[in-house]
Amino acid sequence: MEKFRSRERGHHPHKAVATESALKSLVYFTLSVIATGTCLNLLNYDSTQKANLREVEVAVQAKEERVAQLRDKFNRNFDPHQTRTLMQEQSPKIDSEQLRVILLD
């Protein structure tokens, strides 16, 4: 019986090699499809992240401009050399050292 089995295997050695090659090709093809799909997903994710980064950069730029304006306003409000000017801007009263000018026709 063993001689018969070895003869069966011996008669079709190309069939085993062909089956092995077909299986390997199928596995490699499947891995290639998976790798290609993964690469496409990564490219899509990368473009999405770049768009999000651009949005964040624009928002940061706007906030930096706002912070600069507030910092300038803060420095002006607490500058001792501008106290008199600020009081005039925020109060309807006139400084005692100023003269009131009234225009007549």
Protein backbone atom coordinates (compact mmCIF):
# COMPACT_ATOMS: atom_id res chain seq x y z
CA MET A 1 0.00 0.00 0.00
CA GLU A 2 2.83 2.40 0.81
CA LYS A 3 4.40 1.76 -2.56
CA PHE A 4 1.09 2.69 -4.17
CA ARG A 5 0.88 5.99 -2.26
CA SER A 6 4.42 6.91 -3.09
CA ARG A 7 3.67 6.17 -6.72
CA GLU A 8 0.62 8.47 -6.57
CA ARG A 9 2.75 11.26 -5.18
CA GLY A 10 5.55 10.43 -7.53
CA HIS A 11 3.34 10.59 -10.61
CA HIS A 12 2.07 14.12 -9.90
CA PRO A 13 4.92 16.11 -8.37
CA HIS A 14 3.99 19.11 -10.49
CA LYS A 15 0.49 19.16 -9.05
CA ALA A 16 1.83 19.71 -5.52
CA VAL A 17 4.19 22.44 -6.70
CA ALA A 18 1.41 24.09 -8.69
CA THR A 19 -0.95 23.99 -5.71
CA GLU A 20 1.73 25.44 -3.44
CA SER A 21 2.51 28.18 -5.96
CA ALA A 22 -1.18 29.01 -6.35
CA LEU A 23 -1.62 29.22 -2.59
CA LYS A 24 1.43 31.43 -2.23
CA SER A 25 0.20 33.68 -5.04
CA LEU A 26 -3.23 33.94 -3.42
CA VAL A 27 -1.71 34.83 -0.04
CA TYR A 28 0.63 37.40 -1.57
CA PHE A 29 -2.20 38.91 -3.60
CA THR A 30 -4.38 39.15 -0.47
CA LEU A 31 -1.54 40.79 1.46
CA SER A 32 -0.97 43.22 -1.41
CA VAL A 33 -4.65 44.21 -1.46
CA ILE A 34 -4.63 44.72 2.30
CA ALA A 35 -1.41 46.76 2.15
CA THR A 36 -2.76 48.92 -0.68
CA GLY A 37 -5.99 49.58 1.21
CA THR A 38 -4.07 50.46 4.34
CA CYS A 39 -1.84 52.88 2.43
CA LEU A 40 -4.88 54.57 0.91
CA ASN A 41 -6.46 54.91 4.37
CA LEU A 42 -3.23 56.41 5.69
CA LEU A 43 -3.13 58.94 2.85
CA ASN A 44 -6.72 59.92 3.55
CA TYR A 45 -5.99 60.23 7.28
CA ASP A 46 -2.89 62.32 6.51
CA SER A 47 -4.83 64.76 4.34
CA THR A 48 -7.55 65.05 6.99
CA GLN A 49 -4.99 65.75 9.69
CA LYS A 50 -3.28 68.39 7.52
CA ALA A 51 -6.64 70.13 7.00
CA ASN A 52 -7.27 70.05 10.76
CA LEU A 53 -3.78 71.44 11.37
CA ARG A 54 -4.43 74.33 8.97
CA GLU A 55 -7.66 75.15 10.81
CA VAL A 56 -5.87 75.11 14.16
CA GLU A 57 -3.06 77.30 12.81
CA VAL A 58 -5.60 79.87 11.57
CA ALA A 59 -7.35 79.85 14.95
CA VAL A 60 -4.03 80.22 16.78
CA GLN A 61 -3.06 83.16 14.56
CA ALA A 62 -6.37 84.89 15.31
CA LYS A 63 -5.94 84.31 19.06
CA GLU A 64 -2.36 85.60 18.95
CA GLU A 65 -3.57 88.81 17.30
CA ARG A 66 -6.28 89.19 19.95
CA VAL A 67 -3.74 88.58 22.75
CA ALA A 68 -1.42 91.21 21.25
CA GLN A 69 -4.27 93.75 21.16
CA LEU A 70 -5.26 92.99 24.76
CA ARG A 71 -1.64 93.18 25.90
CA ASP A 72 -1.26 96.60 24.26
CA LYS A 73 -4.49 97.79 25.87
CA PHE A 74 -3.38 96.43 29.25
CA ASN A 75 0.01 98.14 29.01
CA ARG A 76 -1.64 101.42 28.01
CA ASN A 77 -4.15 101.25 30.87
CA PHE A 78 -1.43 100.67 33.46
CA ASP A 79 1.12 103.10 32.04
CA PRO A 80 1.60 105.88 34.63
CA HIS A 81 2.53 108.38 31.91
CA GLN A 82 -0.88 108.03 30.26
CA THR A 83 -3.04 108.32 33.36
CA ARG A 84 -4.20 111.83 32.54
CA THR A 85 -5.04 110.95 28.93
CA LEU A 86 -7.02 107.89 30.01
CA MET A 87 -8.98 109.86 32.59
CA GLN A 88 -9.93 112.40 29.93
CA GLU A 89 -11.06 109.68 27.54
CA GLN A 90 -13.18 107.93 30.17
CA SER A 91 -14.66 110.95 31.93
CA PRO A 92 -16.66 113.90 30.65
CA LYS A 93 -14.84 116.16 33.10
CA ILE A 94 -12.12 118.49 31.91
CA ASP A 95 -8.71 118.68 33.49
CA SER A 96 -8.20 121.76 35.65
CA GLU A 97 -5.14 122.73 33.62
CA GLN A 98 -7.10 122.78 30.36
CA LEU A 99 -9.12 125.67 29.05
CA ARG A 100 -12.53 125.15 27.63
CA VAL A 101 -12.92 126.46 24.09
CA ILE A 102 -16.36 127.57 23.00
CA LEU A 103 -16.91 128.46 19.36
CA LEU A 104 -19.32 131.28 18.59
CA ASP A 105 -20.78 132.35 15.28
